[in-house]
Each structure stands twice: as C-alpha cells, then as structure tokens.
C-alpha cells in the first residue's frame, strides 16, 4: 500500500527570494538566514517512515539546484508551476490521496500534527490546520481536489481560511480542523510564542 504523501511548499532559500515581508523588518540577510533555518529544521523534523515527503519548490528552475543543509538530497522535488497559490495547490491534489500540503511559515508543526492530519482523513474528506492570522498552515485531502475548489479564495487575507472552508463545504466535503498555529511572516511574529490552541 502506498504511503500518504506530505508535500512541503518551499521557495528557493536565496537572499531576497523568500520572506520579503519579514525582510522589510529585519533586513534581507537576516530574513534569509531565518528562512533557511526554518526550512531545514521543518524538513528534518517531519521526516517519518509513515509518509513520503516531497518538496514543491519555486521557482521551478530551482528543482535541480543544491542547497546543502536545507533541501536534503533524499527528498523528492517538483516545481510548483505557475498561477496563484490555488492553482499550484490544485496541481498537487490532482492524484489520489491522502495528500497533505504545508508551507514553511509555521515553525511549530510537528510529526504529531501530520500524523493527526492523516489519521483524521480516515473519517473526513478534508483537514485544515488554521493559522492565527486567518490563513491556514495545512490542507489535507483524501482524493483529488474538486474542480474549482480554490476559485474565489482570497490569498494572504484575513479571511483566507474562511473562504477555503466555504469552498470545501460547497463541494460537499466534510471538514475537520487541527490546532491553530502562528505563521512567521513579519518581524513581529518572531517575538510571539506559538499558541497551543485546541481544534
């Protein structure tokens, strides 16, 4: 039986290539160092024999690049492709599930969170990990994403998760939430401890 798939959306860890909002507060080099550390720690922490890991990277040309200590050689890679976040996620969810997608913005994600997401997919069609800023840090689906699932979702918005949950419900999918986590997007997020909220 094929193991579930964990897909981590990641930008190439180059100066100025990621964490642009964070860089406005602490500078490009500091933001780059933090992003490299966050990504490396996340991939190592989430490595688990219960699932496969793939990096969905941007830009696509970075697939073949080497970033020692950040993108391990043993992790499969694929380009995210073009379009907004919805279009890029829709491509990841084209095949059979269970598939779980996360980004690199929530530093407090654990193997337990991922295991819980896959476990809950046994009884639900979709699992969402809410972010404290109104977005989401995880989306897991049991099967291919319904056509048009991500249409009308306002990205990088305080209502992003609400929009997505509305679309999931409209497609007739049952939804369950995991615990809420913080995203690190801006300088102020570095000073806030993670909140261990109930689902």
Protein backbone atom coordinates (compact mmCIF):
# COMPACT_ATOMS: atom_id res chain seq x y z
CA UNK A 1 0.00 0.00 0.00
CA UNK A 2 1.36 3.41 -0.97
CA UNK A 3 2.22 5.62 1.95
CA UNK A 4 0.48 9.01 2.31
CA UNK A 5 2.26 11.99 0.77
CA UNK A 6 3.36 15.12 2.63
CA UNK A 7 4.09 17.99 0.26
CA UNK A 8 6.04 20.96 1.59
CA UNK A 9 5.75 24.16 -0.44
CA UNK A 10 9.12 25.90 -0.31
CA UNK A 11 10.81 28.79 -2.06
CA UNK A 12 14.45 28.58 -3.04
CA UNK A 13 16.48 29.70 0.01
CA UNK A 14 18.28 32.58 -1.69
CA UNK A 15 18.68 36.14 -0.43
CA UNK A 16 15.63 38.14 -1.44
CA UNK A 17 13.83 35.06 -2.74
CA UNK A 18 11.61 34.41 0.26
CA UNK A 19 10.24 36.12 3.35
CA UNK A 20 10.03 39.55 1.71
CA UNK A 21 7.68 40.92 4.37
CA UNK A 22 9.98 39.68 7.12
CA UNK A 23 12.94 41.22 5.29
CA UNK A 24 11.30 44.64 5.43
CA UNK A 25 11.52 44.48 9.21
CA UNK A 26 14.87 42.79 9.82
CA UNK A 27 16.78 43.02 6.53
CA UNK A 28 17.24 40.59 3.63
CA UNK A 29 20.24 38.72 5.04
CA UNK A 30 18.62 38.10 8.44
CA UNK A 31 15.37 37.02 6.80
CA UNK A 32 17.32 34.66 4.53
CA UNK A 33 19.12 33.09 7.50
CA UNK A 34 15.86 32.60 9.38
CA UNK A 35 14.15 31.11 6.33
CA UNK A 36 17.00 28.67 5.73
CA UNK A 37 16.92 27.56 9.36
CA UNK A 38 13.12 27.24 9.46
CA UNK A 39 13.04 25.18 6.26
CA UNK A 40 15.91 22.89 7.24
CA UNK A 41 14.50 22.23 10.70
CA UNK A 42 11.00 21.59 9.35
CA UNK A 43 12.10 19.03 6.77
CA UNK A 44 14.28 17.17 9.27
CA UNK A 45 11.61 17.24 11.98
CA UNK A 46 8.86 15.91 9.72
CA UNK A 47 10.83 13.03 8.22
CA UNK A 48 8.90 9.91 9.22
CA UNK A 49 8.52 6.39 7.81
CA UNK A 50 4.72 6.70 7.97
CA UNK A 51 4.64 9.04 4.96
CA UNK A 52 6.63 10.18 1.94
CA UNK A 53 7.91 13.76 1.68
CA UNK A 54 8.14 15.88 -1.45
CA UNK A 55 9.27 19.49 -1.80
CA UNK A 56 7.16 21.56 -4.19
CA UNK A 57 9.63 24.30 -5.00
CA UNK A 58 9.53 27.77 -6.52
CA UNK A 59 10.76 28.92 -8.89
CA UNK A 60 10.57 25.74 -10.95
CA UNK A 61 14.16 26.14 -12.17
CA UNK A 62 15.33 25.63 -8.57
CA UNK A 63 14.36 21.94 -8.70
CA UNK A 64 17.84 20.96 -9.83
CA UNK A 65 19.74 23.32 -7.53
CA UNK A 66 21.66 22.18 -4.46
CA UNK A 67 21.07 23.86 -1.13
CA UNK A 68 23.16 21.74 1.26
CA UNK A 69 21.78 21.60 4.75
CA UNK A 70 18.41 23.00 3.67
CA UNK A 71 16.98 20.71 0.96
CA UNK A 72 18.21 17.17 1.70
CA UNK A 73 19.19 15.15 -1.37
CA UNK A 74 16.91 12.29 -0.33
CA UNK A 75 13.75 14.43 -0.53
CA UNK A 76 11.92 14.27 -3.86
CA UNK A 77 11.30 17.61 -5.58
CA UNK A 78 8.89 19.03 -8.12
CA UNK A 79 8.24 22.53 -9.41
CA UNK A 80 5.11 24.29 -8.19
CA UNK A 81 4.28 25.61 -11.65
CA UNK A 82 2.61 28.91 -12.43
CA UNK A 83 -0.51 30.63 -11.17
CA UNK A 84 -1.67 31.70 -7.74
CA UNK A 85 -1.48 29.52 -4.64
CA UNK A 86 -4.79 27.91 -5.51
CA UNK A 87 -3.64 26.83 -8.96
CA UNK A 88 -0.39 25.48 -7.54
CA UNK A 89 -2.17 23.53 -4.80
CA UNK A 90 -4.72 22.17 -7.26
CA UNK A 91 -1.90 20.55 -9.22
CA UNK A 92 -0.59 18.83 -6.08
CA UNK A 93 -4.05 17.45 -5.35
CA UNK A 94 -4.66 16.09 -8.87
CA UNK A 95 -3.81 12.50 -7.92
CA UNK A 96 -5.13 10.05 -5.39
CA UNK A 97 -4.90 10.83 -1.71
CA UNK A 98 -4.23 11.00 1.05
CA UNK A 99 -2.12 14.09 0.42
CA UNK A 100 -1.18 16.72 2.98
CA UNK A 101 0.20 20.13 1.97
CA UNK A 102 2.00 22.56 4.25
CA UNK A 103 4.24 25.57 3.79
CA UNK A 104 7.38 26.61 5.62
CA UNK A 105 5.83 29.55 7.51
CA UNK A 106 4.63 27.73 10.65
CA UNK A 107 7.74 26.72 12.63
CA UNK A 108 5.83 24.80 15.31
CA UNK A 109 4.48 21.99 13.08
CA UNK A 110 5.33 18.55 14.49
CA UNK A 111 5.23 14.97 13.27
CA UNK A 112 2.27 14.55 15.60
CA UNK A 113 0.36 17.22 13.68
CA UNK A 114 0.99 15.48 10.36
CA UNK A 115 0.10 12.07 11.80
CA UNK A 116 -3.13 13.53 13.17
CA UNK A 117 -4.00 15.03 9.78
CA UNK A 118 -3.59 11.70 8.00
CA UNK A 119 -5.49 9.89 10.78
CA UNK A 120 -8.42 12.30 10.52
CA UNK A 121 -8.59 11.79 6.76
CA UNK A 122 -9.83 8.29 7.51
CA UNK A 123 -13.12 9.81 8.69
CA UNK A 124 -13.23 13.15 6.90
CA UNK A 125 -12.71 14.39 3.35
CA UNK A 126 -10.56 17.39 4.29
CA UNK A 127 -8.37 18.52 7.17
CA UNK A 128 -7.34 22.13 7.78
CA UNK A 129 -4.69 23.50 10.11
CA UNK A 130 -5.81 27.06 10.95
CA UNK A 131 -3.24 29.83 11.19
CA UNK A 132 -3.74 32.57 13.75
CA UNK A 133 -3.67 35.25 11.05
CA UNK A 134 -6.77 33.90 9.30
CA UNK A 135 -4.96 31.68 6.83
CA UNK A 136 -4.08 28.02 7.15
CA UNK A 137 -0.86 26.12 7.67
CA UNK A 138 -2.10 22.73 6.45
CA UNK A 139 -4.58 21.33 3.97
CA UNK A 140 -5.07 17.60 3.56
CA UNK A 141 -7.45 15.86 1.16
CA UNK A 142 -8.38 12.23 0.69
CA UNK A 143 -8.72 12.40 -3.05
CA UNK A 144 -8.32 14.76 -6.00
CA UNK A 145 -9.39 18.34 -5.33
CA UNK A 146 -12.85 19.05 -6.75
CA UNK A 147 -12.78 21.22 -9.85
CA UNK A 148 -12.85 24.90 -8.92
CA UNK A 149 -12.13 24.25 -5.23
CA UNK A 150 -9.77 27.19 -4.90
CA UNK A 151 -11.74 29.67 -7.03
CA UNK A 152 -12.67 32.84 -5.18
CA UNK A 153 -10.31 32.26 -2.26
CA UNK A 154 -8.63 35.49 -1.18
CA UNK A 155 -4.97 34.69 -0.68
CA UNK A 156 -2.83 36.38 2.01
CA UNK A 157 -6.02 37.72 3.56
CA UNK A 158 -7.60 37.57 6.99
CA UNK A 159 -10.45 35.50 5.54
CA UNK A 160 -8.37 33.04 3.51
CA UNK A 161 -9.23 30.03 5.66
CA UNK A 162 -12.89 31.00 5.89
CA UNK A 163 -13.04 31.31 2.10
CA UNK A 164 -11.45 27.89 1.65
CA UNK A 165 -13.71 26.24 4.20
CA UNK A 166 -16.69 27.74 2.40
CA UNK A 167 -15.49 26.30 -0.90
CA UNK A 168 -14.87 22.87 0.68
CA UNK A 169 -18.38 22.86 2.13
CA UNK A 170 -19.85 23.97 -1.19
CA UNK A 171 -18.13 20.99 -2.83
CA UNK A 172 -19.78 18.69 -0.29
CA UNK A 173 -16.62 17.77 1.59
CA UNK A 174 -16.59 17.11 5.32
CA UNK A 175 -14.01 19.23 7.17
CA UNK A 176 -12.16 18.92 10.46
CA UNK A 177 -9.64 21.33 11.97
CA UNK A 178 -6.33 20.76 13.70
CA UNK A 179 -4.85 23.11 16.31
CA UNK A 180 -4.17 26.74 15.42
CA UNK A 181 -0.56 27.76 14.85
CA UNK A 182 1.25 31.02 14.21
CA UNK A 183 2.84 31.92 10.91
CA UNK A 184 6.13 33.80 10.77
CA UNK A 185 5.55 36.42 8.08
CA UNK A 186 6.67 39.69 9.65
CA UNK A 187 9.24 40.83 12.20
CA UNK A 188 6.66 40.98 15.00
CA UNK A 189 5.86 37.28 14.51
CA UNK A 190 9.35 36.35 15.69
CA UNK A 191 8.61 37.69 19.17
CA UNK A 192 5.34 35.82 19.68
CA UNK A 193 5.43 32.33 21.16
CA UNK A 194 3.40 29.66 19.43
CA UNK A 195 -0.08 29.13 20.81
CA UNK A 196 -1.19 25.60 21.52
CA UNK A 197 -4.85 26.04 20.69
CA UNK A 198 -7.43 23.29 20.69
CA UNK A 199 -9.00 22.28 17.34
